[in-house]
Amino acid sequence: MRVTMKGIRVMAILGVTAVVAGLGGVQHARADGGIEPPPLSANERLSGPAVIGTITLDGAEADFTGNCRGQSVSVINLPFPVTIANVTQQAMEGFRLNNAGPAGCFKATSTGGENMLINTVTKFTKTGSAVIADVVLMFVVTQ
């Protein structure tokens, strides 16, 4: 799926090849036995601002540090159970991080906790017991 928002190309890759489990929502099994993220429902869309930074996965949790609206943001200890050996760059794209929105990011007055989606993954590194990747997160909003 491709969406263009104010000059930002948004892509959600649904051809996931690795098995990734428990990423904050109902997941759908594919015919080849893999798992793919749930698609956006008919009443959902992606919205900015884009939150750009680095995510670290340790197999149980995700920690994110980055920038939103020119301000440093951090969200730590997000439940993200995954088998590190199965994680690929493509497998991470399109997965939701529920209740992960940083305070003051989606709207200047927000308290945070909005649902987000890993939109793009770059500089993907697997260290054996962790994954570190530069990512672009987008907000999932109800239309």
Foldseek 3Di string as FASTA:
>chain_A
DWDDDPNDIWAFQFPADFAFDDQPDDWDADPVRHIGADDQDPFKDWADDKWWFKWKFQQFWIKTWTDAPRDTFIFTGQGGHTDLVRDDQNRQGFGKRAQGFTQCHVHNHRNGGFIKGFGHWPPWDRPPRMIMTITIITGMDGD
